[in-house]
Amino acid sequence: MYKFIQTLVNVRKQHKIWSKDQTERWVNDNLYCFSRGDVFVATTNNVNNDLHLAITYTPYHDGQRVCNVLYKGDCQTIKNGSLDLILLHGESKIFVPEESLALYE
């Protein structure tokens, strides 16, 4: 639990998200996605099923590589303006540009 909280605090500090506006990226009964600057957060209340969506309204550009800070190795390259979002059984993900990952290691 300590490592999890430490990661969240580091993301918050390194990206200074308190100084960025929050932008809703996707909202429905089971999924809420938002960004603050170049930090993209996806959460769900659906613990019984997997969610798989292509999110096209992101703060990222084509060719940019983004990674989930909560799970090492969960990275992808933005293609056609789309983030391929997969949430398994209620998990949450926090994506940042790959080049900023070194800040959390």
Protein backbone atom coordinates (compact mmCIF):
# COMPACT_ATOMS: atom_id res chain seq x y z
CA MET A 1 0.00 0.00 0.00
CA TYR A 2 2.92 2.31 0.78
CA LYS A 3 4.35 1.93 -2.75
CA PHE A 4 0.93 2.58 -4.31
CA ILE A 5 0.44 5.81 -2.36
CA GLN A 6 4.04 6.85 -3.01
CA THR A 7 3.47 6.43 -6.76
CA LEU A 8 0.31 8.56 -6.68
CA VAL A 9 2.04 11.30 -4.68
CA ASN A 10 5.02 11.27 -7.06
CA VAL A 11 2.76 11.59 -10.12
CA ARG A 12 0.95 14.47 -8.48
CA LYS A 13 4.19 16.27 -7.58
CA GLN A 14 6.15 15.63 -10.78
CA HIS A 15 3.33 16.72 -13.07
CA LYS A 16 2.07 19.50 -10.78
CA ILE A 17 -1.48 18.44 -11.52
CA TRP A 18 -2.91 20.91 -9.01
CA SER A 19 -1.95 23.67 -11.44
CA LYS A 20 -3.71 22.07 -14.44
CA ASP A 21 -7.39 22.14 -15.33
CA GLN A 22 -9.28 18.88 -15.10
CA THR A 23 -10.80 17.77 -18.41
CA GLU A 24 -13.41 15.01 -18.57
CA ARG A 25 -12.45 12.56 -21.31
CA TRP A 26 -15.14 9.85 -20.99
CA VAL A 27 -18.15 9.48 -18.70
CA ASN A 28 -20.79 6.77 -18.47
CA ASP A 29 -22.40 4.63 -15.76
CA ASN A 30 -19.34 2.37 -15.43
CA LEU A 31 -16.35 4.45 -16.50
CA TYR A 32 -14.91 7.85 -15.67
CA CYS A 33 -11.80 9.18 -17.43
CA PHE A 34 -10.20 12.56 -16.99
CA SER A 35 -6.89 14.28 -17.50
CA ARG A 36 -4.92 17.01 -15.81
CA GLY A 37 -2.16 18.16 -18.10
CA ASP A 38 -0.51 15.05 -19.55
CA VAL A 39 -1.78 12.72 -16.80
CA PHE A 40 -4.74 10.56 -17.91
CA VAL A 41 -6.78 8.74 -15.23
CA ALA A 42 -9.32 5.97 -15.90
CA THR A 43 -11.50 4.47 -13.16
CA THR A 44 -14.42 2.08 -13.17
CA ASN A 45 -17.01 0.74 -10.76
CA ASN A 46 -17.52 -2.40 -12.84
CA VAL A 47 -15.75 -5.18 -10.92
CA ASN A 48 -17.58 -8.06 -12.62
CA ASN A 49 -16.58 -7.39 -16.22
CA ASP A 50 -13.68 -6.14 -18.26
CA LEU A 51 -13.95 -2.84 -20.10
CA HIS A 52 -12.27 -2.34 -23.46
CA LEU A 53 -12.64 0.99 -25.23
CA ALA A 54 -10.76 3.11 -27.72
CA ILE A 55 -10.59 6.57 -26.13
CA THR A 56 -10.03 9.19 -28.81
CA TYR A 57 -10.30 12.31 -26.62
CA THR A 58 -6.94 12.28 -24.82
CA PRO A 59 -4.17 14.79 -24.12
CA TYR A 60 -1.79 12.76 -26.30
CA HIS A 61 -0.76 12.91 -29.96
CA ASP A 62 -0.18 10.20 -32.57
CA GLY A 63 3.09 8.37 -32.09
CA GLN A 64 3.40 9.34 -28.44
CA ARG A 65 4.16 6.44 -26.09
CA VAL A 66 2.27 6.42 -22.78
CA CYS A 67 2.52 4.09 -19.78
CA ASN A 68 0.39 3.15 -16.81
CA VAL A 69 2.32 4.13 -13.67
CA LEU A 70 0.44 1.54 -11.60
CA TYR A 71 1.71 -1.47 -13.55
CA LYS A 72 5.20 -1.65 -15.01
CA GLY A 73 5.19 -2.67 -18.67
CA ASP A 74 1.64 -1.48 -19.44
CA CYS A 75 2.63 0.89 -22.24
CA GLN A 76 1.28 1.68 -25.68
CA THR A 77 1.77 4.03 -28.59
CA ILE A 78 -1.07 6.36 -29.51
CA LYS A 79 -2.35 5.46 -32.98
CA ASN A 80 -5.02 7.35 -34.94
CA GLY A 81 -5.48 9.59 -31.90
CA SER A 82 -6.66 6.66 -29.81
CA LEU A 83 -5.72 5.23 -26.41
CA ASP A 84 -6.67 1.55 -26.25
CA LEU A 85 -8.07 1.34 -22.73
CA ILE A 86 -8.53 -2.04 -21.07
CA LEU A 87 -9.67 -2.18 -17.44
CA LEU A 88 -9.90 -5.63 -15.88
CA HIS A 89 -12.38 -6.25 -13.06
CA GLY A 90 -12.49 -2.80 -11.53
CA GLU A 91 -8.89 -1.73 -11.95
CA SER A 92 -7.83 1.87 -12.41
CA LYS A 93 -5.03 3.16 -14.63
CA ILE A 94 -2.98 6.34 -14.66
CA PHE A 95 -1.16 7.05 -17.91
CA VAL A 96 1.75 9.44 -18.35
CA PRO A 97 4.14 9.99 -21.26
CA GLU A 98 6.81 7.27 -21.24
CA GLU A 99 9.65 9.76 -20.97
CA SER A 100 8.41 10.81 -17.52
CA LEU A 101 8.48 7.23 -16.12
CA ALA A 102 12.06 7.62 -14.90
CA LEU A 103 10.72 10.05 -12.30
CA TYR A 104 8.96 7.20 -10.47
CA GLU A 105 11.73 4.59 -10.35
